[in-house]
Amino acid sequence: MTERPTGAQPASPAIYDRECVRCPRLAQFLRETRDHHPDYWARPVPSFGAPAPLILIVGLAPGMHGANRTGRPFTGDHAGILLYQTLYEFALASAAVATCAADGLQLLNTRIANAVKCVPPGNKPLPQEIRCCNAYLASELGELPTVRVYLALGRVAHDAVLMAKGLKRGDYPFGHAREYPLGADSWLLDSYHCSRYNTSTRRLTTEMFRQVVRRACTLAGLADV
């Protein structure tokens, strides 16, 4: 898979660069991945969803055999199961299952981005890689004035949103279902990440995640469902 994922919209270089090699470790890992899996996307993964969203979901990074394979966030791996099912239940997605970038799924009033756009070894980006990639997230946030809720999936995503907005982490401690006003018309809302580990250990249950997404809809001014 070498072309832009089906359904992805062109983005300015400040927001997305398919050939980005700013982080040497990640760039090398992607080269190795393309050698071992020539059918994988294995490049920085662009954000996906509505161009003028009310809710921006921010994840950690592409999964090795999920977004890194398909080229679309949370698509084709375990972490996307709970996410897309819940978005569908709240009328934020056109389908409940995301299989590939060409499956026709669309997001409604919602967009998904990642704190780091390249798959990291062991799913653990280094602090300097998070900081480097934050320039892309900051630029994207600057071009999405419609966002009312930043839904952060996990602490890394939470910190990445704050960094992109120039806010101090100490003023906004991470915690599941915590919410913070960001100015007069937007909110930061936290959730545990919908990873296989968190769902299998029940650190994050389906109902816990549904409650957070419901709250995101309320804060965004969407109709109750």
N, C-alpha and C. Protein backbone atom coordinates (compact mmCIF):
# COMPACT_ATOMS: atom_id res chain seq x y z
N MET A 1 0.86 -1.19 0.00
CA MET A 1 0.00 0.00 0.00
C MET A 1 0.89 1.23 0.00
N THR A 2 0.85 1.97 -1.12
CA THR A 2 1.74 3.12 -1.22
C THR A 2 1.00 4.42 -1.50
N GLU A 3 -0.26 4.34 -1.90
CA GLU A 3 -1.01 5.55 -2.20
C GLU A 3 -1.68 6.08 -0.94
N ARG A 4 -2.19 7.32 -1.04
CA ARG A 4 -2.93 7.90 0.07
C ARG A 4 -4.13 7.03 0.40
N PRO A 5 -4.39 6.74 1.69
CA PRO A 5 -5.54 5.93 2.04
C PRO A 5 -6.83 6.50 1.46
N THR A 6 -7.70 5.60 0.97
CA THR A 6 -8.96 6.03 0.38
C THR A 6 -9.76 6.86 1.36
N GLY A 7 -10.26 7.99 0.90
CA GLY A 7 -11.10 8.84 1.74
C GLY A 7 -10.32 9.91 2.48
N ALA A 8 -8.98 9.83 2.49
CA ALA A 8 -8.19 10.83 3.19
C ALA A 8 -8.18 12.12 2.37
N GLN A 9 -8.24 13.25 3.05
CA GLN A 9 -8.24 14.54 2.38
C GLN A 9 -6.84 15.13 2.38
N PRO A 10 -6.48 15.85 1.30
CA PRO A 10 -5.17 16.50 1.28
C PRO A 10 -5.03 17.44 2.47
N ALA A 11 -3.84 17.52 3.00
CA ALA A 11 -3.58 18.40 4.14
C ALA A 11 -2.34 19.23 3.86
N SER A 12 -2.27 20.39 4.49
CA SER A 12 -1.11 21.24 4.29
C SER A 12 0.12 20.57 4.91
N PRO A 13 1.32 20.87 4.39
CA PRO A 13 2.54 20.26 4.94
C PRO A 13 2.74 20.53 6.43
N ALA A 14 2.17 21.64 6.93
CA ALA A 14 2.31 21.94 8.35
C ALA A 14 1.52 20.96 9.21
N ILE A 15 0.50 20.33 8.63
CA ILE A 15 -0.35 19.40 9.36
C ILE A 15 0.05 17.95 9.11
N TYR A 16 0.46 17.65 7.88
CA TYR A 16 0.76 16.26 7.55
C TYR A 16 1.79 16.19 6.42
N ASP A 17 2.82 15.37 6.64
CA ASP A 17 3.85 15.12 5.64
C ASP A 17 4.06 13.62 5.54
N ARG A 18 3.60 13.01 4.46
CA ARG A 18 3.69 11.57 4.31
C ARG A 18 5.13 11.07 4.34
N GLU A 19 6.07 11.93 3.94
CA GLU A 19 7.47 11.52 3.87
C GLU A 19 8.29 12.06 5.04
N CYS A 20 7.65 12.44 6.14
CA CYS A 20 8.37 13.01 7.28
C CYS A 20 9.41 12.03 7.82
N VAL A 21 10.62 12.54 8.07
CA VAL A 21 11.69 11.73 8.67
C VAL A 21 12.35 12.54 9.80
N ARG A 22 11.57 13.39 10.47
CA ARG A 22 12.14 14.24 11.52
C ARG A 22 12.67 13.44 12.70
N CYS A 23 12.09 12.28 12.95
CA CYS A 23 12.52 11.44 14.08
C CYS A 23 13.27 10.24 13.52
N PRO A 24 14.61 10.23 13.61
CA PRO A 24 15.41 9.17 12.96
C PRO A 24 15.01 7.76 13.38
N ARG A 25 14.73 7.54 14.65
CA ARG A 25 14.39 6.20 15.12
C ARG A 25 13.08 5.73 14.48
N LEU A 26 12.09 6.60 14.43
CA LEU A 26 10.81 6.24 13.84
C LEU A 26 10.92 6.05 12.33
N ALA A 27 11.69 6.92 11.68
CA ALA A 27 11.87 6.79 10.23
C ALA A 27 12.54 5.46 9.88
N GLN A 28 13.54 5.08 10.67
CA GLN A 28 14.22 3.80 10.44
C GLN A 28 13.28 2.63 10.66
N PHE A 29 12.47 2.73 11.71
CA PHE A 29 11.52 1.66 12.01
C PHE A 29 10.51 1.51 10.88
N LEU A 30 10.07 2.61 10.30
CA LEU A 30 9.13 2.54 9.18
C LEU A 30 9.79 1.92 7.95
N ARG A 31 11.04 2.25 7.70
CA ARG A 31 11.74 1.64 6.56
C ARG A 31 11.83 0.13 6.74
N GLU A 32 12.16 -0.29 7.95
CA GLU A 32 12.25 -1.73 8.22
C GLU A 32 10.88 -2.40 8.09
N THR A 33 9.85 -1.69 8.54
CA THR A 33 8.50 -2.24 8.45
C THR A 33 8.08 -2.41 7.00
N ARG A 34 8.38 -1.44 6.15
CA ARG A 34 8.04 -1.56 4.73
C ARG A 34 8.77 -2.73 4.08
N ASP A 35 10.01 -2.99 4.53
CA ASP A 35 10.76 -4.13 3.99
C ASP A 35 10.10 -5.45 4.38
N HIS A 36 9.64 -5.54 5.64
CA HIS A 36 9.05 -6.78 6.14
C HIS A 36 7.58 -6.93 5.73
N HIS A 37 6.90 -5.79 5.56
CA HIS A 37 5.47 -5.82 5.23
C HIS A 37 5.23 -4.85 4.06
N PRO A 38 5.59 -5.24 2.85
CA PRO A 38 5.46 -4.32 1.71
C PRO A 38 4.03 -3.89 1.39
N ASP A 39 3.05 -4.61 1.93
CA ASP A 39 1.65 -4.24 1.69
C ASP A 39 1.11 -3.31 2.75
N TYR A 40 1.91 -2.95 3.76
CA TYR A 40 1.48 -2.04 4.81
C TYR A 40 1.62 -0.59 4.35
N TRP A 41 0.80 0.29 4.94
CA TRP A 41 0.97 1.73 4.70
C TRP A 41 2.35 2.17 5.18
N ALA A 42 2.68 1.90 6.44
CA ALA A 42 4.04 2.08 6.98
C ALA A 42 4.64 3.44 6.68
N ARG A 43 3.85 4.46 6.90
CA ARG A 43 4.27 5.86 6.79
C ARG A 43 3.53 6.65 7.87
N PRO A 44 3.84 7.92 8.04
CA PRO A 44 3.02 8.71 8.96
C PRO A 44 1.55 8.59 8.58
N VAL A 45 0.70 8.45 9.59
CA VAL A 45 -0.74 8.25 9.35
C VAL A 45 -1.47 9.58 9.48
N PRO A 46 -2.20 9.98 8.45
CA PRO A 46 -2.93 11.25 8.53
C PRO A 46 -4.14 11.15 9.45
N SER A 47 -4.59 12.28 9.92
CA SER A 47 -5.83 12.34 10.69
C SER A 47 -7.00 11.96 9.79
N PHE A 48 -8.12 11.64 10.42
CA PHE A 48 -9.27 11.13 9.66
C PHE A 48 -10.56 11.66 10.26
N GLY A 49 -11.46 12.08 9.38
CA GLY A 49 -12.78 12.47 9.87
C GLY A 49 -13.29 13.76 9.27
N ALA A 50 -14.26 14.34 9.96
CA ALA A 50 -14.92 15.55 9.48
C ALA A 50 -13.92 16.70 9.36
N PRO A 51 -14.00 17.49 8.29
CA PRO A 51 -13.07 18.60 8.12
C PRO A 51 -13.32 19.77 9.06
N ALA A 52 -14.54 19.86 9.61
CA ALA A 52 -14.88 20.92 10.56
C ALA A 52 -15.56 20.27 11.77
N PRO A 53 -14.81 19.52 12.57
CA PRO A 53 -15.41 18.72 13.63
C PRO A 53 -15.75 19.54 14.87
N LEU A 54 -16.73 19.03 15.62
CA LEU A 54 -17.01 19.56 16.94
C LEU A 54 -16.21 18.81 18.00
N ILE A 55 -15.89 17.55 17.73
CA ILE A 55 -15.12 16.72 18.64
C ILE A 55 -13.85 16.26 17.94
N LEU A 56 -12.71 16.48 18.57
CA LEU A 56 -11.44 15.97 18.06
C LEU A 56 -10.93 14.92 19.05
N ILE A 57 -10.86 13.68 18.60
CA ILE A 57 -10.32 12.59 19.41
C ILE A 57 -8.82 12.48 19.15
N VAL A 58 -8.04 12.47 20.22
CA VAL A 58 -6.59 12.37 20.07
C VAL A 58 -6.12 11.08 20.72
N GLY A 59 -5.47 10.23 19.92
CA GLY A 59 -4.92 8.98 20.42
C GLY A 59 -3.43 9.07 20.64
N LEU A 60 -2.81 7.93 20.86
CA LEU A 60 -1.38 7.89 21.15
C LEU A 60 -0.57 7.89 19.85
N ALA A 61 -0.63 6.78 19.11
CA ALA A 61 0.15 6.61 17.89
C ALA A 61 -0.46 5.46 17.10
N PRO A 62 -0.13 5.32 15.82
CA PRO A 62 -0.65 4.19 15.05
C PRO A 62 -0.23 2.85 15.64
N GLY A 63 -1.15 1.88 15.61
CA GLY A 63 -0.81 0.52 16.02
C GLY A 63 -0.06 -0.19 14.91
N MET A 64 0.86 -1.06 15.28
CA MET A 64 1.71 -1.73 14.31
C MET A 64 0.91 -2.42 13.22
N HIS A 65 -0.11 -3.19 13.60
CA HIS A 65 -0.87 -3.94 12.63
C HIS A 65 -2.28 -3.37 12.44
N GLY A 66 -2.48 -2.15 12.93
CA GLY A 66 -3.73 -1.44 12.75
C GLY A 66 -3.54 -0.28 11.80
N ALA A 67 -3.46 0.94 12.35
CA ALA A 67 -3.32 2.13 11.50
C ALA A 67 -2.04 2.11 10.67
N ASN A 68 -0.97 1.55 11.20
CA ASN A 68 0.27 1.46 10.43
C ASN A 68 0.10 0.56 9.21
N ARG A 69 -0.83 -0.38 9.31
CA ARG A 69 -1.11 -1.29 8.17
C ARG A 69 -2.11 -0.66 7.21
N THR A 70 -3.18 -0.09 7.76
CA THR A 70 -4.29 0.39 6.93
C THR A 70 -4.17 1.84 6.48
N GLY A 71 -3.40 2.63 7.23
CA GLY A 71 -3.25 4.04 6.88
C GLY A 71 -4.34 4.93 7.43
N ARG A 72 -5.16 4.42 8.36
CA ARG A 72 -6.22 5.23 8.95
C ARG A 72 -6.27 4.99 10.45
N PRO A 73 -6.40 6.02 11.27
CA PRO A 73 -6.35 5.86 12.73
C PRO A 73 -7.34 4.82 13.26
N PHE A 74 -6.86 3.99 14.17
CA PHE A 74 -7.69 3.01 14.89
C PHE A 74 -8.43 2.05 13.95
N THR A 75 -7.91 1.82 12.79
CA THR A 75 -8.58 0.96 11.82
C THR A 75 -7.82 -0.35 11.64
N GLY A 76 -8.51 -1.46 11.91
CA GLY A 76 -7.92 -2.77 11.68
C GLY A 76 -7.22 -3.37 12.87
N ASP A 77 -7.39 -2.78 14.06
CA ASP A 77 -6.77 -3.37 15.25
C ASP A 77 -7.76 -3.38 16.41
N HIS A 78 -7.34 -3.97 17.52
CA HIS A 78 -8.24 -4.15 18.66
C HIS A 78 -8.69 -2.82 19.26
N ALA A 79 -7.80 -1.84 19.29
CA ALA A 79 -8.15 -0.55 19.91
C ALA A 79 -9.32 0.13 19.22
N GLY A 80 -9.48 -0.16 17.92
CA GLY A 80 -10.57 0.47 17.19
C GLY A 80 -11.92 -0.16 17.40
N ILE A 81 -11.97 -1.36 17.98
CA ILE A 81 -13.25 -2.06 18.14
C ILE A 81 -14.20 -1.26 19.02
N LEU A 82 -13.75 -0.94 20.23
CA LEU A 82 -14.60 -0.18 21.15
C LEU A 82 -14.81 1.24 20.65
N LEU A 83 -13.79 1.84 20.09
CA LEU A 83 -13.90 3.23 19.64
C LEU A 83 -14.98 3.39 18.57
N TYR A 84 -14.87 2.65 17.48
CA TYR A 84 -15.81 2.84 16.38
C TYR A 84 -17.22 2.36 16.73
N GLN A 85 -17.32 1.30 17.53
CA GLN A 85 -18.63 0.84 17.96
C GLN A 85 -19.34 1.94 18.76
N THR A 86 -18.58 2.58 19.65
CA THR A 86 -19.17 3.63 20.48
C THR A 86 -19.51 4.86 19.66
N LEU A 87 -18.63 5.25 18.76
CA LEU A 87 -18.93 6.39 17.90
C LEU A 87 -20.19 6.14 17.08
N TYR A 88 -20.35 4.93 16.60
CA TYR A 88 -21.55 4.59 15.83
C TYR A 88 -22.80 4.69 16.70
N GLU A 89 -22.72 4.21 17.93
CA GLU A 89 -23.88 4.26 18.83
C GLU A 89 -24.33 5.68 19.10
N PHE A 90 -23.37 6.62 19.07
CA PHE A 90 -23.70 8.02 19.34
C PHE A 90 -23.82 8.85 18.06
N ALA A 91 -24.03 8.16 16.95
CA ALA A 91 -24.24 8.83 15.66
C ALA A 91 -23.07 9.70 15.24
N LEU A 92 -21.87 9.29 15.62
CA LEU A 92 -20.65 10.01 15.24
C LEU A 92 -19.88 9.28 14.14
N ALA A 93 -20.33 8.09 13.77
CA ALA A 93 -19.72 7.31 12.71
C ALA A 93 -20.81 6.64 11.90
N SER A 94 -20.54 6.41 10.64
CA SER A 94 -21.54 5.83 9.74
C SER A 94 -21.59 4.31 9.83
N ALA A 95 -20.62 3.70 10.48
CA ALA A 95 -20.60 2.25 10.65
C ALA A 95 -19.94 1.92 11.98
N ALA A 96 -20.19 0.72 12.46
CA ALA A 96 -19.70 0.32 13.78
C ALA A 96 -18.35 -0.39 13.73
N VAL A 97 -17.92 -0.77 12.54
CA VAL A 97 -16.69 -1.54 12.40
C VAL A 97 -15.80 -0.89 11.34
N ALA A 98 -14.52 -0.70 11.69
CA ALA A 98 -13.55 -0.15 10.75
C ALA A 98 -12.58 -1.25 10.36
N THR A 99 -12.57 -1.61 9.09
CA THR A 99 -11.72 -2.71 8.64
C THR A 99 -10.53 -2.26 7.81
N CYS A 100 -10.76 -1.28 6.94
CA CYS A 100 -9.69 -0.77 6.08
C CYS A 100 -10.04 0.64 5.64
N ALA A 101 -9.07 1.32 5.05
CA ALA A 101 -9.29 2.71 4.67
C ALA A 101 -10.27 2.86 3.52
N ALA A 102 -10.59 1.75 2.86
CA ALA A 102 -11.51 1.80 1.72
C ALA A 102 -12.88 1.24 2.07
N ASP A 103 -13.21 1.13 3.36
CA ASP A 103 -14.47 0.51 3.75
C ASP A 103 -15.67 1.45 3.71
N GLY A 104 -15.44 2.71 3.39
CA GLY A 104 -16.54 3.67 3.26
C GLY A 104 -16.99 4.32 4.55
N LEU A 105 -16.39 3.95 5.66
CA LEU A 105 -16.78 4.54 6.94
C LEU A 105 -16.48 6.03 6.95
N GLN A 106 -17.42 6.80 7.50
CA GLN A 106 -17.25 8.24 7.64
C GLN A 106 -17.51 8.65 9.08
N LEU A 107 -16.84 9.69 9.52
CA LEU A 107 -17.08 10.26 10.84
C LEU A 107 -17.94 11.51 10.70
N LEU A 108 -18.83 11.70 11.65
CA LEU A 108 -19.77 12.81 11.63
C LEU A 108 -19.50 13.72 12.83
N ASN A 109 -19.21 15.00 12.56
CA ASN A 109 -18.91 15.98 13.61
C ASN A 109 -17.67 15.60 14.43
N THR A 110 -16.88 14.66 13.94
CA THR A 110 -15.78 14.10 14.72
C THR A 110 -14.57 13.88 13.83
N ARG A 111 -13.42 14.03 14.42
CA ARG A 111 -12.15 13.79 13.71
C ARG A 111 -11.21 13.06 14.67
N ILE A 112 -10.33 12.23 14.12
CA ILE A 112 -9.36 11.50 14.93
C ILE A 112 -7.95 11.86 14.50
N ALA A 113 -7.13 12.23 15.47
CA ALA A 113 -5.72 12.50 15.25
C ALA A 113 -4.92 11.69 16.26
N ASN A 114 -3.60 11.71 16.11
CA ASN A 114 -2.73 11.03 17.07
C ASN A 114 -1.66 11.99 17.57
N ALA A 115 -1.20 11.74 18.80
CA ALA A 115 -0.10 12.54 19.35
C ALA A 115 1.16 12.34 18.54
N VAL A 116 1.37 11.12 18.03
CA VAL A 116 2.52 10.78 17.20
C VAL A 116 1.98 10.08 15.96
N LYS A 117 2.40 10.52 14.78
CA LYS A 117 1.82 10.02 13.54
C LYS A 117 2.49 8.75 13.01
N CYS A 118 3.65 8.40 13.54
CA CYS A 118 4.36 7.21 13.09
C CYS A 118 4.31 6.12 14.16
N VAL A 119 4.20 4.87 13.73
CA VAL A 119 4.20 3.78 14.69
C VAL A 119 5.56 3.72 15.39
N PRO A 120 5.58 3.68 16.73
CA PRO A 120 6.84 3.59 17.45
C PRO A 120 7.14 2.14 17.83
N PRO A 121 8.40 1.76 17.92
CA PRO A 121 8.73 0.41 18.40
C PRO A 121 8.12 0.16 19.77
N GLY A 122 7.48 -1.00 19.91
CA GLY A 122 6.88 -1.35 21.19
C GLY A 122 5.73 -0.45 21.60
N ASN A 123 5.20 0.33 20.65
CA ASN A 123 4.10 1.26 20.93
C ASN A 123 4.48 2.31 21.97
N LYS A 124 5.77 2.63 22.06
CA LYS A 124 6.23 3.58 23.06
C LYS A 124 7.10 4.66 22.42
N PRO A 125 6.50 5.79 22.05
CA PRO A 125 7.29 6.89 21.51
C PRO A 125 8.15 7.52 22.59
N LEU A 126 9.31 8.00 22.21
CA LEU A 126 10.20 8.68 23.14
C LEU A 126 9.70 10.12 23.36
N PRO A 127 10.05 10.72 24.51
CA PRO A 127 9.59 12.09 24.77
C PRO A 127 9.96 13.07 23.67
N GLN A 128 11.17 12.95 23.12
CA GLN A 128 11.56 13.89 22.07
C GLN A 128 10.77 13.67 20.79
N GLU A 129 10.30 12.44 20.56
CA GLU A 129 9.48 12.17 19.38
C GLU A 129 8.09 12.76 19.55
N ILE A 130 7.57 12.70 20.75
CA ILE A 130 6.27 13.31 21.04
C ILE A 130 6.36 14.82 20.84
N ARG A 131 7.44 15.41 21.34
CA ARG A 131 7.61 16.86 21.19
C ARG A 131 7.77 17.24 19.72
N CYS A 132 8.54 16.45 18.98
CA CYS A 132 8.77 16.77 17.57
C CYS A 132 7.47 16.72 16.77
N CYS A 133 6.70 15.67 16.98
CA CYS A 133 5.45 15.50 16.22
C CYS A 133 4.37 16.48 16.68
N ASN A 134 4.55 17.07 17.84
CA ASN A 134 3.53 17.98 18.35
C ASN A 134 3.34 19.20 17.46
N ALA A 135 4.35 19.53 16.67
CA ALA A 135 4.21 20.67 15.76
C ALA A 135 3.08 20.42 14.76
N TYR A 136 2.94 19.17 14.31
CA TYR A 136 1.85 18.84 13.39
C TYR A 136 0.50 18.96 14.08
N LEU A 137 0.41 18.45 15.31
CA LEU A 137 -0.85 18.54 16.05
C LEU A 137 -1.22 19.98 16.33
N ALA A 138 -0.24 20.78 16.72
CA ALA A 138 -0.51 22.19 17.01
C ALA A 138 -1.03 22.91 15.77
N SER A 139 -0.44 22.62 14.63
CA SER A 139 -0.90 23.24 13.39
C SER A 139 -2.32 22.80 13.05
N GLU A 140 -2.60 21.54 13.26
CA GLU A 140 -3.95 21.04 12.96
C GLU A 140 -4.98 21.67 13.89
N LEU A 141 -4.66 21.77 15.17
CA LEU A 141 -5.58 22.41 16.11
C LEU A 141 -5.85 23.85 15.68
N GLY A 142 -4.81 24.52 15.20
CA GLY A 142 -4.97 25.90 14.76
C GLY A 142 -5.87 26.06 13.55
N GLU A 143 -6.03 24.98 12.78
CA GLU A 143 -6.87 25.03 11.58
C GLU A 143 -8.24 24.38 11.80
N LEU A 144 -8.55 24.06 13.06
CA LEU A 144 -9.85 23.46 13.37
C LEU A 144 -10.58 24.32 14.41
N PRO A 145 -11.02 25.51 14.02
CA PRO A 145 -11.67 26.41 14.98
C PRO A 145 -13.03 25.93 15.45
N THR A 146 -13.60 24.94 14.79
CA THR A 146 -14.92 24.46 15.16
C THR A 146 -14.91 23.51 16.36
N VAL A 147 -13.73 23.01 16.74
CA VAL A 147 -13.66 22.00 17.80
C VAL A 147 -14.13 22.57 19.13
N ARG A 148 -15.03 21.84 19.77
CA ARG A 148 -15.51 22.22 21.10
C ARG A 148 -15.01 21.27 22.17
N VAL A 149 -14.66 20.04 21.78
CA VAL A 149 -14.20 19.05 22.75
C VAL A 149 -12.97 18.34 22.20
N TYR A 150 -11.90 18.36 22.98
CA TYR A 150 -10.72 17.56 22.69
C TYR A 150 -10.77 16.33 23.60
N LEU A 151 -11.08 15.18 23.02
CA LEU A 151 -11.20 13.95 23.78
C LEU A 151 -9.87 13.22 23.72
N ALA A 152 -9.14 13.23 24.82
CA ALA A 152 -7.80 12.65 24.87
C ALA A 152 -7.87 11.21 25.36
N LEU A 153 -7.37 10.30 24.56
CA LEU A 153 -7.35 8.89 24.93
C LEU A 153 -5.99 8.55 25.54
N GLY A 154 -5.90 8.67 26.85
CA GLY A 154 -4.66 8.36 27.55
C GLY A 154 -3.86 9.60 27.89
N ARG A 155 -2.89 9.39 28.78
CA ARG A 155 -2.10 10.50 29.30
C ARG A 155 -1.24 11.16 28.22
N VAL A 156 -0.65 10.36 27.33
CA VAL A 156 0.20 10.94 26.28
C VAL A 156 -0.61 11.88 25.40
N ALA A 157 -1.80 11.45 25.02
CA ALA A 157 -2.66 12.31 24.20
C ALA A 157 -3.08 13.57 24.97
N HIS A 158 -3.42 13.38 26.24
CA HIS A 158 -3.78 14.51 27.11
C HIS A 158 -2.65 15.54 27.13
N ASP A 159 -1.44 15.08 27.39
CA ASP A 159 -0.29 15.99 27.44
C ASP A 159 -0.01 16.62 26.09
N ALA A 160 -0.25 15.86 25.01
CA ALA A 160 0.01 16.39 23.67
C ALA A 160 -0.93 17.54 23.34
N VAL A 161 -2.19 17.43 23.73
CA VAL A 161 -3.14 18.52 23.50
C VAL A 161 -2.70 19.77 24.26
N LEU A 162 -2.32 19.58 25.52
CA LEU A 162 -1.87 20.72 26.32
C LEU A 162 -0.63 21.37 25.71
N MET A 163 0.32 20.54 25.27
CA MET A 163 1.52 21.07 24.65
C MET A 163 1.19 21.85 23.39
N ALA A 164 0.29 21.30 22.59
CA ALA A 164 -0.08 21.96 21.33
C ALA A 164 -0.76 23.30 21.58
N LYS A 165 -1.40 23.44 22.73
CA LYS A 165 -2.09 24.68 23.07
C LYS A 165 -1.25 25.59 23.97
N GLY A 166 -0.03 25.17 24.28
CA GLY A 166 0.84 25.99 25.10
C GLY A 166 0.42 26.09 26.55
N LEU A 167 -0.23 25.04 27.07
CA LEU A 167 -0.73 25.03 28.44
C LEU A 167 0.15 24.14 29.33
N LYS A 168 0.17 24.42 30.62
CA LYS A 168 1.02 23.69 31.56
C LYS A 168 0.33 22.41 32.03
N ARG A 169 1.06 21.30 31.97
CA ARG A 169 0.48 20.02 32.38
C ARG A 169 0.07 20.03 33.85
N GLY A 170 0.83 20.71 34.68
CA GLY A 170 0.53 20.73 36.10
C GLY A 170 -0.81 21.34 36.44
N ASP A 171 -1.33 22.16 35.56
CA ASP A 171 -2.63 22.79 35.80
C ASP A 171 -3.80 21.91 35.36
N TYR A 172 -3.49 20.82 34.67
CA TYR A 172 -4.54 19.96 34.12
C TYR A 172 -4.16 18.49 34.32
N PRO A 173 -4.23 17.96 35.52
CA PRO A 173 -3.85 16.57 35.77
C PRO A 173 -4.74 15.60 34.99
N PHE A 174 -4.12 14.57 34.44
CA PHE A 174 -4.88 13.57 33.69
C PHE A 174 -5.67 12.67 34.63
N GLY A 175 -6.87 12.29 34.23
CA GLY A 175 -7.67 11.32 34.97
C GLY A 175 -8.88 10.94 34.15
N HIS A 176 -9.26 9.69 34.19
CA HIS A 176 -10.40 9.25 33.39
C HIS A 176 -11.65 10.05 33.75
N ALA A 177 -12.31 10.55 32.72
CA ALA A 177 -13.56 11.32 32.81
C ALA A 177 -13.36 12.72 33.39
N ARG A 178 -12.10 13.13 33.59
CA ARG A 178 -11.89 14.52 34.01
C ARG A 178 -12.13 15.45 32.83
N GLU A 179 -12.59 16.64 33.11
CA GLU A 179 -12.83 17.62 32.07
C GLU A 179 -12.37 19.00 32.53
N TYR A 180 -11.83 19.73 31.57
CA TYR A 180 -11.29 21.06 31.87
C TYR A 180 -11.73 22.05 30.79
N PRO A 181 -12.21 23.23 31.19
CA PRO A 181 -12.51 24.24 30.19
C PRO A 181 -11.21 24.81 29.62
N LEU A 182 -11.19 24.97 28.31
CA LEU A 182 -10.05 25.59 27.64
C LEU A 182 -10.54 26.87 27.00
N GLY A 183 -10.60 27.91 27.78
CA GLY A 183 -11.18 29.14 27.28
C GLY A 183 -12.69 29.11 27.43
N ALA A 184 -13.35 29.95 26.65
CA ALA A 184 -14.79 30.13 26.83
C ALA A 184 -15.64 29.11 26.09
N ASP A 185 -15.08 28.46 25.06
CA ASP A 185 -15.95 27.64 24.21
C ASP A 185 -15.39 26.27 23.86
N SER A 186 -14.40 25.76 24.59
CA SER A 186 -13.89 24.42 24.31
C SER A 186 -13.47 23.74 25.60
N TRP A 187 -13.38 22.41 25.51
CA TRP A 187 -13.10 21.58 26.68
C TRP A 187 -12.07 20.51 26.35
N LEU A 188 -11.29 20.15 27.37
CA LEU A 188 -10.43 18.97 27.31
C LEU A 188 -11.10 17.90 28.16
N LEU A 189 -11.38 16.75 27.56
CA LEU A 189 -12.04 15.65 28.24
C LEU A 189 -11.15 14.42 28.14
N ASP A 190 -10.92 13.74 29.26
CA ASP A 190 -9.99 12.60 29.32
C ASP A 190 -10.70 11.27 29.35
N SER A 191 -10.05 10.27 28.77
CA SER A 191 -10.48 8.88 28.91
C SER A 191 -9.24 8.00 28.94
N TYR A 192 -9.34 6.87 29.64
CA TYR A 192 -8.30 5.86 29.46
C TYR A 192 -8.33 5.44 27.99
N HIS A 193 -7.17 5.05 27.49
CA HIS A 193 -7.06 4.61 26.10
C HIS A 193 -7.82 3.30 25.92
N CYS A 194 -8.47 3.15 24.77
CA CYS A 194 -9.24 1.93 24.51
C CYS A 194 -8.35 0.83 23.93
N SER A 195 -7.22 0.60 24.56
CA SER A 195 -6.27 -0.42 24.13
C SER A 195 -6.74 -1.80 24.56
N ARG A 196 -6.14 -2.82 23.96
CA ARG A 196 -6.47 -4.19 24.35
C ARG A 196 -6.20 -4.42 25.84
N TYR A 197 -5.06 -3.89 26.32
CA TYR A 197 -4.72 -4.09 27.72
C TYR A 197 -5.77 -3.47 28.64
N ASN A 198 -6.15 -2.24 28.37
CA ASN A 198 -7.10 -1.55 29.25
C ASN A 198 -8.48 -2.20 29.22
N THR A 199 -8.92 -2.66 28.05
CA THR A 199 -10.25 -3.27 27.98
C THR A 199 -10.24 -4.69 28.53
N SER A 200 -9.16 -5.43 28.30
CA SER A 200 -9.12 -6.82 28.79
C SER A 200 -8.99 -6.87 30.31
N THR A 201 -8.29 -5.89 30.90
CA THR A 201 -8.16 -5.84 32.37
C THR A 201 -9.33 -5.10 33.01
N ARG A 202 -10.21 -4.56 32.17
CA ARG A 202 -11.39 -3.81 32.61
C ARG A 202 -11.02 -2.52 33.36
N ARG A 203 -9.82 -2.06 33.12
CA ARG A 203 -9.51 -0.70 33.57
C ARG A 203 -10.44 0.28 32.86
N LEU A 204 -10.74 -0.06 31.61
CA LEU A 204 -11.73 0.71 30.85
C LEU A 204 -12.82 -0.26 30.39
N THR A 205 -14.02 -0.06 30.87
CA THR A 205 -15.15 -0.89 30.44
C THR A 205 -15.92 -0.19 29.32
N THR A 206 -16.75 -0.97 28.65
CA THR A 206 -17.58 -0.39 27.59
C THR A 206 -18.44 0.75 28.12
N GLU A 207 -19.03 0.54 29.30
CA GLU A 207 -19.90 1.57 29.86
C GLU A 207 -19.12 2.82 30.26
N MET A 208 -17.92 2.64 30.81
CA MET A 208 -17.08 3.79 31.15
C MET A 208 -16.80 4.63 29.91
N PHE A 209 -16.48 3.96 28.82
CA PHE A 209 -16.16 4.70 27.60
C PHE A 209 -17.40 5.35 27.01
N ARG A 210 -18.53 4.66 27.06
CA ARG A 210 -19.77 5.24 26.57
C ARG A 210 -20.12 6.52 27.33
N GLN A 211 -19.90 6.51 28.62
CA GLN A 211 -20.21 7.68 29.43
C GLN A 211 -19.34 8.88 29.02
N VAL A 212 -18.08 8.61 28.73
CA VAL A 212 -17.19 9.70 28.31
C VAL A 212 -17.61 10.25 26.96
N VAL A 213 -17.92 9.36 26.02
CA VAL A 213 -18.34 9.83 24.70
C VAL A 213 -19.66 10.58 24.79
N ARG A 214 -20.57 10.09 25.63
CA ARG A 214 -21.82 10.81 25.84
C ARG A 214 -21.56 12.22 26.36
N ARG A 215 -20.62 12.32 27.31
CA ARG A 215 -20.28 13.63 27.86
C ARG A 215 -19.65 14.53 26.79
N ALA A 216 -18.84 13.95 25.91
CA ALA A 216 -18.25 14.72 24.82
C ALA A 216 -19.34 15.31 23.93
N CYS A 217 -20.35 14.48 23.64
CA CYS A 217 -21.46 14.97 22.81
C CYS A 217 -22.19 16.12 23.49
N THR A 218 -22.41 16.00 24.80
CA THR A 218 -23.10 17.05 25.54
C THR A 218 -22.29 18.34 25.52
N LEU A 219 -21.00 18.24 25.81
CA LEU A 219 -20.16 19.43 25.82
C LEU A 219 -20.05 20.07 24.44
N ALA A 220 -20.14 19.23 23.39
CA ALA A 220 -20.04 19.74 22.03
C ALA A 220 -21.34 20.34 21.53
N GLY A 221 -22.41 20.19 22.31
CA GLY A 221 -23.69 20.74 21.93
C GLY A 221 -24.47 19.88 20.96
N LEU A 222 -24.10 18.60 20.87
CA LEU A 222 -24.84 17.68 20.01
C LEU A 222 -26.06 17.15 20.75
N ALA A 223 -27.04 16.72 19.99
CA ALA A 223 -28.29 16.24 20.57
C ALA A 223 -28.03 15.01 21.43
N ASP A 224 -28.73 14.90 22.55
CA ASP A 224 -28.59 13.72 23.40
C ASP A 224 -29.05 12.48 22.65
N VAL A 225 -28.33 11.37 22.90
CA VAL A 225 -28.71 10.10 22.28
C VAL A 225 -28.75 9.03 23.36
